[in-house]
Amino acid sequence: MAEPLAITGAEIDAMIAASELAEIVTAGSPEYVAFAEYVRMSVEEAARIKEGALYEQYAAAITGNLSDEAYQTAAHLAKNKAREQAKTFAVGIAKTDLNTMGQTIANGLAEGLHPDEIATQLDMVKGLDPQRAARYQALVDSGASEASLEQSYQSLLADRRETIASYEARVATETAQLQRAESRGATAKVWMAVGDGRVCPVCLGNEADGAVPLKKNFPSGNAAPPAHPRCRCTTAYATSAAQRARMDRRGKARAKATQDAIDAEEEAARNADEEEAT
């Protein structure tokens, strides 16, 4: 298991100061505490997963042209920047470039582009966020050659652009599915995690909540996935009371199985550490 990436309070402060969150979040406030916990959790989760393999899952899920409904959803979300979580991506990006970025992503979705293809068009994302900047600085401090540093910087920048494109694509498709479910008469929904040992506490909590009313947010505050960058979860919808009851039971059973998988992976990691120590 990879070691968790470290992120400091100063870096979190810098993220807030450089984004639109500075207008609504003050140090020590409940919003600040929640944001800091969200960032730390996302960074730790990123360290535990194989980003390449996960990204391929995203790409495979977004193949083909999206419907007009999905495109309009993407365009609306991107233009209005209504989601607080999306504002974490504003670090180092001028406010005047945010609408351009959003429209580029929406257009790419409408054309059926994969997130990696959309990412290559995000030229307005010119710098690294604090986490990636810290990784780059570590390379600088290690005395790496100029050629190696340039290659690493471009790789980190490409990874940041891919993360943005993947996240926004997931938001657009999941929101469109939520709207479609409502139009079909759905009355409830259930959060569905992957079920392996890499599921984060936030997504596990959403799954454990079982079936919730369609208009109600899950415990994380999300109406639908993704709960954070690199989120792998999906949503199922119920259109009858009987279906909702079944989904509720199965959702809670899946959450227990997911917790068992997490416990098993943590125990395996502890055993491996003990064996290595001896």
C-alpha atoms as a PDB file:
ATOM      1  CA  MET A   1       0.000   0.000   0.000  1.00  0.00           C
ATOM      2  CA  ALA A   2       1.359   3.418  -0.913  1.00  0.00           C
ATOM      3  CA  GLU A   3       2.233   5.846   1.846  1.00  0.00           C
ATOM      4  CA  PRO A   4      -0.305   8.670   2.260  1.00  0.00           C
ATOM      5  CA  LEU A   5       0.731  11.935   0.667  1.00  0.00           C
ATOM      6  CA  ALA A   6       1.276  14.731   3.157  1.00  0.00           C
ATOM      7  CA  ILE A   7      -0.515  18.054   2.910  1.00  0.00           C
ATOM      8  CA  THR A   8       0.064  20.925   5.296  1.00  0.00           C
ATOM      9  CA  GLY A   9      -2.289  23.488   6.770  1.00  0.00           C
ATOM     10  CA  ALA A  10      -0.378  26.169   4.883  1.00  0.00           C
ATOM     11  CA  GLU A  11      -1.083  24.411   1.596  1.00  0.00           C
ATOM     12  CA  ILE A  12      -4.782  24.192   2.432  1.00  0.00           C
ATOM     13  CA  ASP A  13      -4.781  27.896   3.269  1.00  0.00           C
ATOM     14  CA  ALA A  14      -3.123  28.617  -0.071  1.00  0.00           C
ATOM     15  CA  MET A  15      -5.758  26.585  -1.924  1.00  0.00           C
ATOM     16  CA  ILE A  16      -8.545  28.561  -0.269  1.00  0.00           C
ATOM     17  CA  ALA A  17      -6.841  31.913  -0.807  1.00  0.00           C
ATOM     18  CA  ALA A  18      -6.289  31.211  -4.515  1.00  0.00           C
ATOM     19  CA  SER A  19      -9.851  30.072  -5.175  1.00  0.00           C
ATOM     20  CA  GLU A  20     -13.354  31.448  -4.909  1.00  0.00           C
ATOM     21  CA  LEU A  21     -13.641  29.694  -1.558  1.00  0.00           C
ATOM     22  CA  ALA A  22     -11.840  32.686  -0.041  1.00  0.00           C
ATOM     23  CA  GLU A  23     -15.088  34.591  -0.341  1.00  0.00           C
ATOM     24  CA  ILE A  24     -17.011  32.233   1.940  1.00  0.00           C
ATOM     25  CA  VAL A  25     -14.497  30.323   4.093  1.00  0.00           C
ATOM     26  CA  THR A  26     -12.677  31.792   7.083  1.00  0.00           C
ATOM     27  CA  ALA A  27      -9.954  30.110   9.135  1.00  0.00           C
ATOM     28  CA  GLY A  28     -11.338  27.990  11.954  1.00  0.00           C
ATOM     29  CA  SER A  29     -14.901  28.035  10.660  1.00  0.00           C
ATOM     30  CA  PRO A  30     -16.917  24.797  10.254  1.00  0.00           C
ATOM     31  CA  GLU A  31     -16.641  25.254   6.478  1.00  0.00           C
ATOM     32  CA  TYR A  32     -12.857  25.491   6.757  1.00  0.00           C
ATOM     33  CA  VAL A  33     -12.649  22.350   8.898  1.00  0.00           C
ATOM     34  CA  ALA A  34     -14.871  20.430   6.462  1.00  0.00           C
ATOM     35  CA  PHE A  35     -12.851  21.607   3.464  1.00  0.00           C
ATOM     36  CA  ALA A  36      -9.542  20.694   5.119  1.00  0.00           C
ATOM     37  CA  GLU A  37     -10.811  17.210   5.949  1.00  0.00           C
ATOM     38  CA  TYR A  38     -12.085  16.763   2.396  1.00  0.00           C
ATOM     39  CA  VAL A  39      -8.696  17.723   0.950  1.00  0.00           C
ATOM     40  CA  ARG A  40      -6.747  15.466   3.287  1.00  0.00           C
ATOM     41  CA  MET A  41      -9.050  12.547   2.577  1.00  0.00           C
ATOM     42  CA  SER A  42      -8.766  13.068  -1.195  1.00  0.00           C
ATOM     43  CA  VAL A  43      -4.967  13.248  -1.035  1.00  0.00           C
ATOM     44  CA  GLU A  44      -4.736  10.099   1.063  1.00  0.00           C
ATOM     45  CA  GLU A  45      -7.121   8.260  -1.247  1.00  0.00           C
ATOM     46  CA  ALA A  46      -5.076   9.302  -4.270  1.00  0.00           C
ATOM     47  CA  ALA A  47      -1.995   7.786  -2.667  1.00  0.00           C
ATOM     48  CA  ARG A  48      -3.738   4.446  -2.164  1.00  0.00           C
ATOM     49  CA  ILE A  49      -4.945   3.867  -5.667  1.00  0.00           C
ATOM     50  CA  LYS A  50      -3.376   3.182  -9.016  1.00  0.00           C
ATOM     51  CA  GLU A  51      -4.423   6.304 -10.825  1.00  0.00           C
ATOM     52  CA  GLY A  52      -3.747   4.931 -14.296  1.00  0.00           C
ATOM     53  CA  ALA A  53      -6.007   1.915 -13.911  1.00  0.00           C
ATOM     54  CA  LEU A  54      -8.719   4.002 -12.288  1.00  0.00           C
ATOM     55  CA  TYR A  55      -8.558   6.573 -15.043  1.00  0.00           C
ATOM     56  CA  GLU A  56      -9.113   3.851 -17.636  1.00  0.00           C
ATOM     57  CA  GLN A  57     -12.332   2.925 -15.811  1.00  0.00           C
ATOM     58  CA  TYR A  58     -13.508   6.514 -16.135  1.00  0.00           C
ATOM     59  CA  ALA A  59     -12.620   6.660 -19.806  1.00  0.00           C
ATOM     60  CA  ALA A  60     -14.441   3.411 -20.523  1.00  0.00           C
ATOM     61  CA  ALA A  61     -17.561   4.698 -18.772  1.00  0.00           C
ATOM     62  CA  ILE A  62     -17.764   7.852 -20.877  1.00  0.00           C
ATOM     63  CA  THR A  63     -17.346   6.459 -24.381  1.00  0.00           C
ATOM     64  CA  GLY A  64     -19.627   7.633 -27.166  1.00  0.00           C
ATOM     65  CA  ASN A  65     -21.531  10.862 -27.632  1.00  0.00           C
ATOM     66  CA  LEU A  66     -23.544  12.096 -24.685  1.00  0.00           C
ATOM     67  CA  SER A  67     -27.172  13.052 -25.068  1.00  0.00           C
ATOM     68  CA  ASP A  68     -28.206  16.678 -25.468  1.00  0.00           C
ATOM     69  CA  GLU A  69     -29.458  16.475 -21.883  1.00  0.00           C
ATOM     70  CA  ALA A  70     -26.025  15.472 -20.612  1.00  0.00           C
ATOM     71  CA  TYR A  71     -24.358  18.179 -22.658  1.00  0.00           C
ATOM     72  CA  GLN A  72     -26.709  20.864 -21.364  1.00  0.00           C
ATOM     73  CA  THR A  73     -26.095  19.640 -17.834  1.00  0.00           C
ATOM     74  CA  ALA A  74     -22.340  19.811 -18.346  1.00  0.00           C
ATOM     75  CA  ALA A  75     -22.544  23.280 -19.847  1.00  0.00           C
ATOM     76  CA  HIS A  76     -24.756  24.573 -17.023  1.00  0.00           C
ATOM     77  CA  LEU A  77     -22.550  23.161 -14.282  1.00  0.00           C
ATOM     78  CA  ALA A  78     -19.357  24.357 -15.904  1.00  0.00           C
ATOM     79  CA  LYS A  79     -20.584  27.866 -16.650  1.00  0.00           C
ATOM     80  CA  ASN A  80     -22.188  28.530 -13.276  1.00  0.00           C
ATOM     81  CA  LYS A  81     -19.614  26.691 -11.116  1.00  0.00           C
ATOM     82  CA  ALA A  82     -22.359  25.858  -8.635  1.00  0.00           C
ATOM     83  CA  ARG A  83     -20.553  23.031  -6.840  1.00  0.00           C
ATOM     84  CA  GLU A  84     -18.319  23.856  -3.904  1.00  0.00           C
ATOM     85  CA  GLN A  85     -16.096  20.849  -4.560  1.00  0.00           C
ATOM     86  CA  ALA A  86     -15.367  21.976  -8.102  1.00  0.00           C
ATOM     87  CA  LYS A  87     -13.947  25.202  -6.678  1.00  0.00           C
ATOM     88  CA  THR A  88     -11.009  23.244  -5.309  1.00  0.00           C
ATOM     89  CA  PHE A  89      -9.848  23.001  -8.899  1.00  0.00           C
ATOM     90  CA  ALA A  90      -9.633  26.804  -9.147  1.00  0.00           C
ATOM     91  CA  VAL A  91      -6.234  26.890  -7.464  1.00  0.00           C
ATOM     92  CA  GLY A  92      -3.853  28.763  -9.732  1.00  0.00           C
ATOM     93  CA  ILE A  93      -6.511  29.329 -12.394  1.00  0.00           C
ATOM     94  CA  ALA A  94      -7.641  32.874 -13.106  1.00  0.00           C
ATOM     95  CA  LYS A  95     -11.369  33.426 -12.630  1.00  0.00           C
ATOM     96  CA  THR A  96     -11.619  34.676 -16.203  1.00  0.00           C
ATOM     97  CA  ASP A  97     -10.351  31.288 -17.396  1.00  0.00           C
ATOM     98  CA  LEU A  98     -12.833  29.177 -15.416  1.00  0.00           C
ATOM     99  CA  ASN A  99     -15.738  29.662 -17.818  1.00  0.00           C
ATOM    100  CA  THR A 100     -13.463  28.865 -20.743  1.00  0.00           C
ATOM    101  CA  MET A 101     -12.349  25.691 -19.023  1.00  0.00           C
ATOM    102  CA  GLY A 102     -15.924  24.694 -18.304  1.00  0.00           C
ATOM    103  CA  GLN A 103     -17.074  25.300 -21.857  1.00  0.00           C
ATOM    104  CA  THR A 104     -14.105  23.334 -23.227  1.00  0.00           C
ATOM    105  CA  ILE A 105     -15.063  20.354 -21.055  1.00  0.00           C
ATOM    106  CA  ALA A 106     -18.730  20.614 -22.031  1.00  0.00           C
ATOM    107  CA  ASN A 107     -17.871  20.779 -25.724  1.00  0.00           C
ATOM    108  CA  GLY A 108     -15.579  17.789 -25.392  1.00  0.00           C
ATOM    109  CA  LEU A 109     -18.334  15.748 -23.752  1.00  0.00           C
ATOM    110  CA  ALA A 110     -20.745  16.674 -26.519  1.00  0.00           C
ATOM    111  CA  GLU A 111     -18.209  15.459 -29.084  1.00  0.00           C
ATOM    112  CA  GLY A 112     -17.828  12.131 -27.281  1.00  0.00           C
ATOM    113  CA  LEU A 113     -14.209  12.751 -26.300  1.00  0.00           C
ATOM    114  CA  HIS A 114     -12.589  10.752 -23.517  1.00  0.00           C
ATOM    115  CA  PRO A 115     -11.333  12.709 -20.506  1.00  0.00           C
ATOM    116  CA  ASP A 116      -7.719  12.271 -21.617  1.00  0.00           C
ATOM    117  CA  GLU A 117      -8.585  13.888 -24.944  1.00  0.00           C
ATOM    118  CA  ILE A 118     -10.417  16.737 -23.222  1.00  0.00           C
ATOM    119  CA  ALA A 119      -7.474  17.213 -20.865  1.00  0.00           C
ATOM    120  CA  THR A 120      -5.139  18.017 -23.753  1.00  0.00           C
ATOM    121  CA  GLN A 121      -7.346  21.031 -24.545  1.00  0.00           C
ATOM    122  CA  LEU A 122      -7.205  22.540 -21.043  1.00  0.00           C
ATOM    123  CA  ASP A 123      -4.416  24.989 -21.869  1.00  0.00           C
ATOM    124  CA  MET A 124      -5.818  27.484 -19.361  1.00  0.00           C
ATOM    125  CA  VAL A 125      -4.578  25.178 -16.573  1.00  0.00           C
ATOM    126  CA  LYS A 126      -0.981  26.380 -16.655  1.00  0.00           C
ATOM    127  CA  GLY A 127       0.349  25.572 -13.190  1.00  0.00           C
ATOM    128  CA  LEU A 128       0.399  22.914 -10.500  1.00  0.00           C
ATOM    129  CA  ASP A 129      -1.875  22.751  -7.485  1.00  0.00           C
ATOM    130  CA  PRO A 130      -0.220  22.692  -4.033  1.00  0.00           C
ATOM    131  CA  GLN A 131      -0.051  18.894  -3.788  1.00  0.00           C
ATOM    132  CA  ARG A 132       1.636  18.416  -7.142  1.00  0.00           C
ATOM    133  CA  ALA A 133       3.817  21.474  -6.600  1.00  0.00           C
ATOM    134  CA  ALA A 134       5.091  19.898  -3.390  1.00  0.00           C
ATOM    135  CA  ARG A 135       5.935  16.692  -5.243  1.00  0.00           C
ATOM    136  CA  TYR A 136       7.775  18.710  -7.881  1.00  0.00           C
ATOM    137  CA  GLN A 137       9.672  20.691  -5.237  1.00  0.00           C
ATOM    138  CA  ALA A 138      10.822  17.432  -3.674  1.00  0.00           C
ATOM    139  CA  LEU A 139      12.381  16.502  -7.017  1.00  0.00           C
ATOM    140  CA  VAL A 140      14.065  19.891  -7.218  1.00  0.00           C
ATOM    141  CA  ASP A 141      15.455  19.447  -3.711  1.00  0.00           C
ATOM    142  CA  SER A 142      16.749  15.982  -4.624  1.00  0.00           C
ATOM    143  CA  GLY A 143      19.029  17.507  -7.276  1.00  0.00           C
ATOM    144  CA  ALA A 144      17.324  15.976 -10.312  1.00  0.00           C
ATOM    145  CA  SER A 145      18.589  17.072 -13.711  1.00  0.00           C
ATOM    146  CA  GLU A 146      16.897  19.863 -15.644  1.00  0.00           C
ATOM    147  CA  ALA A 147      15.665  17.400 -18.268  1.00  0.00           C
ATOM    148  CA  SER A 148      14.191  15.143 -15.602  1.00  0.00           C
ATOM    149  CA  LEU A 149      12.571  18.105 -13.857  1.00  0.00           C
ATOM    150  CA  GLU A 150      10.961  19.342 -17.064  1.00  0.00           C
ATOM    151  CA  GLN A 151       9.616  15.882 -17.844  1.00  0.00           C
ATOM    152  CA  SER A 152       8.244  15.524 -14.311  1.00  0.00           C
ATOM    153  CA  TYR A 153       6.622  18.960 -14.387  1.00  0.00           C
ATOM    154  CA  GLN A 154       4.836  18.249 -17.661  1.00  0.00           C
ATOM    155  CA  SER A 155       3.700  14.868 -16.330  1.00  0.00           C
ATOM    156  CA  LEU A 156       2.295  16.432 -13.166  1.00  0.00           C
ATOM    157  CA  LEU A 157       0.567  19.167 -15.177  1.00  0.00           C
ATOM    158  CA  ALA A 158      -0.984  16.593 -17.507  1.00  0.00           C
ATOM    159  CA  ASP A 159      -2.160  14.595 -14.488  1.00  0.00           C
ATOM    160  CA  ARG A 160      -3.822  17.684 -13.033  1.00  0.00           C
ATOM    161  CA  ARG A 161      -5.620  18.405 -16.298  1.00  0.00           C
ATOM    162  CA  GLU A 162      -6.768  14.778 -16.544  1.00  0.00           C
ATOM    163  CA  THR A 163      -8.081  14.874 -12.970  1.00  0.00           C
ATOM    164  CA  ILE A 164     -10.116  17.988 -13.742  1.00  0.00           C
ATOM    165  CA  ALA A 165     -11.501  16.562 -16.992  1.00  0.00           C
ATOM    166  CA  SER A 166     -12.355  13.203 -15.389  1.00  0.00           C
ATOM    167  CA  TYR A 167     -14.087  14.787 -12.412  1.00  0.00           C
ATOM    168  CA  GLU A 168     -16.153  17.207 -14.474  1.00  0.00           C
ATOM    169  CA  ALA A 169     -17.128  14.452 -16.902  1.00  0.00           C
ATOM    170  CA  ARG A 170     -18.347  12.279 -14.049  1.00  0.00           C
ATOM    171  CA  VAL A 171     -20.322  15.169 -12.551  1.00  0.00           C
ATOM    172  CA  ALA A 172     -21.994  15.861 -15.879  1.00  0.00           C
ATOM    173  CA  THR A 173     -22.958  12.253 -16.597  1.00  0.00           C
ATOM    174  CA  GLU A 174     -24.135  11.469 -13.059  1.00  0.00           C
ATOM    175  CA  THR A 175     -26.186  14.679 -12.873  1.00  0.00           C
ATOM    176  CA  ALA A 176     -27.773  13.910 -16.225  1.00  0.00           C
ATOM    177  CA  GLN A 177     -28.657  10.414 -14.986  1.00  0.00           C
ATOM    178  CA  LEU A 178     -30.226  11.910 -11.859  1.00  0.00           C
ATOM    179  CA  GLN A 179     -32.372  14.232 -13.973  1.00  0.00           C
ATOM    180  CA  ARG A 180     -33.329  11.354 -16.260  1.00  0.00           C
ATOM    181  CA  ALA A 181     -34.319   9.183 -13.283  1.00  0.00           C
ATOM    182  CA  GLU A 182     -36.531  11.970 -11.952  1.00  0.00           C
ATOM    183  CA  SER A 183     -38.253  12.287 -15.331  1.00  0.00           C
ATOM    184  CA  ARG A 184     -38.964   8.526 -15.236  1.00  0.00           C
ATOM    185  CA  GLY A 185     -40.669   8.859 -11.865  1.00  0.00           C
ATOM    186  CA  ALA A 186     -37.889   7.690  -9.554  1.00  0.00           C
ATOM    187  CA  THR A 187     -38.560   8.476  -5.889  1.00  0.00           C
ATOM    188  CA  ALA A 188     -35.396   7.190  -4.198  1.00  0.00           C
ATOM    189  CA  LYS A 189     -31.738   6.504  -4.868  1.00  0.00           C
ATOM    190  CA  VAL A 190     -28.918   4.469  -3.371  1.00  0.00           C
ATOM    191  CA  TRP A 191     -25.166   5.082  -3.427  1.00  0.00           C
ATOM    192  CA  MET A 192     -23.146   2.169  -4.826  1.00  0.00           C
ATOM    193  CA  ALA A 193     -19.446   1.887  -3.956  1.00  0.00           C
ATOM    194  CA  VAL A 194     -17.079  -0.500  -5.725  1.00  0.00           C
ATOM    195  CA  GLY A 195     -16.880  -2.746  -2.678  1.00  0.00           C
ATOM    196  CA  ASP A 196     -13.125  -3.207  -2.379  1.00  0.00           C
ATOM    197  CA  GLY A 197     -10.684  -2.153   0.313  1.00  0.00           C
ATOM    198  CA  ARG A 198      -9.939   1.193  -1.331  1.00  0.00           C
ATOM    199  CA  VAL A 199     -13.396   2.702  -0.736  1.00  0.00           C
ATOM    200  CA  CYS A 200     -13.032   5.910   1.276  1.00  0.00           C
ATOM    201  CA  PRO A 201     -14.960   6.605   4.534  1.00  0.00           C
ATOM    202  CA  VAL A 202     -17.139   9.249   2.858  1.00  0.00           C
ATOM    203  CA  CYS A 203     -18.370   6.926   0.123  1.00  0.00           C
ATOM    204  CA  LEU A 204     -18.795   4.079   2.598  1.00  0.00           C
ATOM    205  CA  GLY A 205     -21.000   6.324   4.726  1.00  0.00           C
ATOM    206  CA  ASN A 206     -23.118   7.229   1.701  1.00  0.00           C
ATOM    207  CA  GLU A 207     -23.592   3.561   0.831  1.00  0.00           C
ATOM    208  CA  ALA A 208     -24.419   2.627   4.421  1.00  0.00           C
ATOM    209  CA  ASP A 209     -27.243   5.185   4.447  1.00  0.00           C
ATOM    210  CA  GLY A 210     -29.205   2.902   2.130  1.00  0.00           C
ATOM    211  CA  ALA A 211     -32.017   4.291  -0.020  1.00  0.00           C
ATOM    212  CA  VAL A 212     -32.694   8.008   0.426  1.00  0.00           C
ATOM    213  CA  PRO A 213     -35.414  10.227  -1.121  1.00  0.00           C
ATOM    214  CA  LEU A 214     -34.527  11.402  -4.617  1.00  0.00           C
ATOM    215  CA  LYS A 215     -34.378  15.074  -3.620  1.00  0.00           C
ATOM    216  CA  LYS A 216     -32.298  14.446  -0.500  1.00  0.00           C
ATOM    217  CA  ASN A 217     -28.504  14.589  -0.455  1.00  0.00           C
ATOM    218  CA  PHE A 218     -26.411  11.714   0.811  1.00  0.00           C
ATOM    219  CA  PRO A 219     -24.512  12.159   4.135  1.00  0.00           C
ATOM    220  CA  SER A 220     -21.535  13.647   2.258  1.00  0.00           C
ATOM    221  CA  GLY A 221     -23.762  16.446   0.977  1.00  0.00           C
ATOM    222  CA  ASN A 222     -23.689  15.145  -2.600  1.00  0.00           C
ATOM    223  CA  ALA A 223     -26.841  14.530  -4.608  1.00  0.00           C
ATOM    224  CA  ALA A 224     -24.944  11.907  -6.629  1.00  0.00           C
ATOM    225  CA  PRO A 225     -21.355  10.783  -7.260  1.00  0.00           C
ATOM    226  CA  PRO A 226     -18.602  11.790  -7.479  1.00  0.00           C
ATOM    227  CA  ALA A 227     -18.011  12.636  -3.836  1.00  0.00           C
ATOM    228  CA  HIS A 228     -14.397  13.596  -4.554  1.00  0.00           C
ATOM    229  CA  PRO A 229     -11.806  13.442  -7.341  1.00  0.00           C
ATOM    230  CA  ARG A 230     -11.176   9.865  -8.506  1.00  0.00           C
ATOM    231  CA  CYS A 231     -14.461   8.690  -6.987  1.00  0.00           C
ATOM    232  CA  ARG A 232     -15.500   5.337  -8.477  1.00  0.00           C
ATOM    233  CA  CYS A 233     -19.065   5.166  -7.166  1.00  0.00           C
ATOM    234  CA  THR A 234     -22.349   5.056  -9.070  1.00  0.00           C
ATOM    235  CA  THR A 235     -26.034   5.501  -8.204  1.00  0.00           C
ATOM    236  CA  ALA A 236     -29.121   3.296  -8.629  1.00  0.00           C
ATOM    237  CA  TYR A 237     -32.690   4.604  -8.619  1.00  0.00           C
ATOM    238  CA  ALA A 238     -36.019   3.190  -7.411  1.00  0.00           C
ATOM    239  CA  THR A 239     -39.441   3.925  -8.901  1.00  0.00           C
ATOM    240  CA  SER A 240     -41.615   1.958  -6.451  1.00  0.00           C
ATOM    241  CA  ALA A 241     -41.875   1.396  -2.702  1.00  0.00           C
ATOM    242  CA  ALA A 242     -41.009  -2.286  -3.080  1.00  0.00           C
ATOM    243  CA  GLN A 243     -37.961  -1.517  -5.193  1.00  0.00           C
ATOM    244  CA  ARG A 244     -36.853   1.118  -2.708  1.00  0.00           C
ATOM    245  CA  ALA A 245     -37.118  -1.365   0.170  1.00  0.00           C
ATOM    246  CA  ARG A 246     -35.014  -3.925  -1.722  1.00  0.00           C
ATOM    247  CA  MET A 247     -32.420  -1.309  -2.637  1.00  0.00           C
ATOM    248  CA  ASP A 248     -32.240  -0.138   0.958  1.00  0.00           C
ATOM    249  CA  ARG A 249     -31.538  -3.656   2.257  1.00  0.00           C
ATOM    250  CA  ARG A 250     -29.002  -4.399  -0.454  1.00  0.00           C
ATOM    251  CA  GLY A 251     -27.267  -1.052  -0.046  1.00  0.00           C
ATOM    252  CA  LYS A 252     -26.729  -1.583   3.665  1.00  0.00           C
ATOM    253  CA  ALA A 253     -25.568  -5.155   3.026  1.00  0.00           C
ATOM    254  CA  ARG A 254     -23.087  -3.906   0.420  1.00  0.00           C
ATOM    255  CA  ALA A 255     -21.785  -1.326   2.891  1.00  0.00           C
ATOM    256  CA  LYS A 256     -21.117  -4.062   5.444  1.00  0.00           C
ATOM    257  CA  ALA A 257     -19.304  -6.124   2.803  1.00  0.00           C
ATOM    258  CA  THR A 258     -17.299  -3.059   1.809  1.00  0.00           C
ATOM    259  CA  GLN A 259     -16.294  -2.458   5.432  1.00  0.00           C
ATOM    260  CA  ASP A 260     -15.216  -6.094   5.678  1.00  0.00           C
ATOM    261  CA  ALA A 261     -13.064  -5.637   2.564  1.00  0.00           C
ATOM    262  CA  ILE A 262     -11.482  -2.494   4.032  1.00  0.00           C
ATOM    263  CA  ASP A 263     -10.775  -4.287   7.323  1.00  0.00           C
ATOM    264  CA  ALA A 264      -9.248  -7.247   5.474  1.00  0.00           C
ATOM    265  CA  GLU A 265      -6.955  -5.017   3.418  1.00  0.00           C
ATOM    266  CA  GLU A 266      -5.826  -3.068   6.476  1.00  0.00           C
ATOM    267  CA  GLU A 267      -5.107  -6.314   8.340  1.00  0.00           C
ATOM    268  CA  ALA A 268      -3.133  -7.647   5.374  1.00  0.00           C
ATOM    269  CA  ALA A 269      -1.098  -4.422   5.287  1.00  0.00           C
ATOM    270  CA  ARG A 270      -0.377  -4.682   9.012  1.00  0.00           C
ATOM    271  CA  ASN A 271       0.721  -8.290   8.648  1.00  0.00           C
ATOM    272  CA  ALA A 272       2.982  -7.369   5.759  1.00  0.00           C
ATOM    273  CA  ASP A 273       4.547  -4.568   7.804  1.00  0.00           C
ATOM    274  CA  GLU A 274       5.120  -6.932  10.727  1.00  0.00           C
ATOM    275  CA  GLU A 275       6.749  -9.525   8.461  1.00  0.00           C
ATOM    276  CA  GLU A 276       8.994  -6.894   6.931  1.00  0.00           C
ATOM    277  CA  ALA A 277       9.973  -5.649  10.383  1.00  0.00           C
ATOM    278  CA  THR A 278      11.022  -9.142  11.407  1.00  0.00           C
END
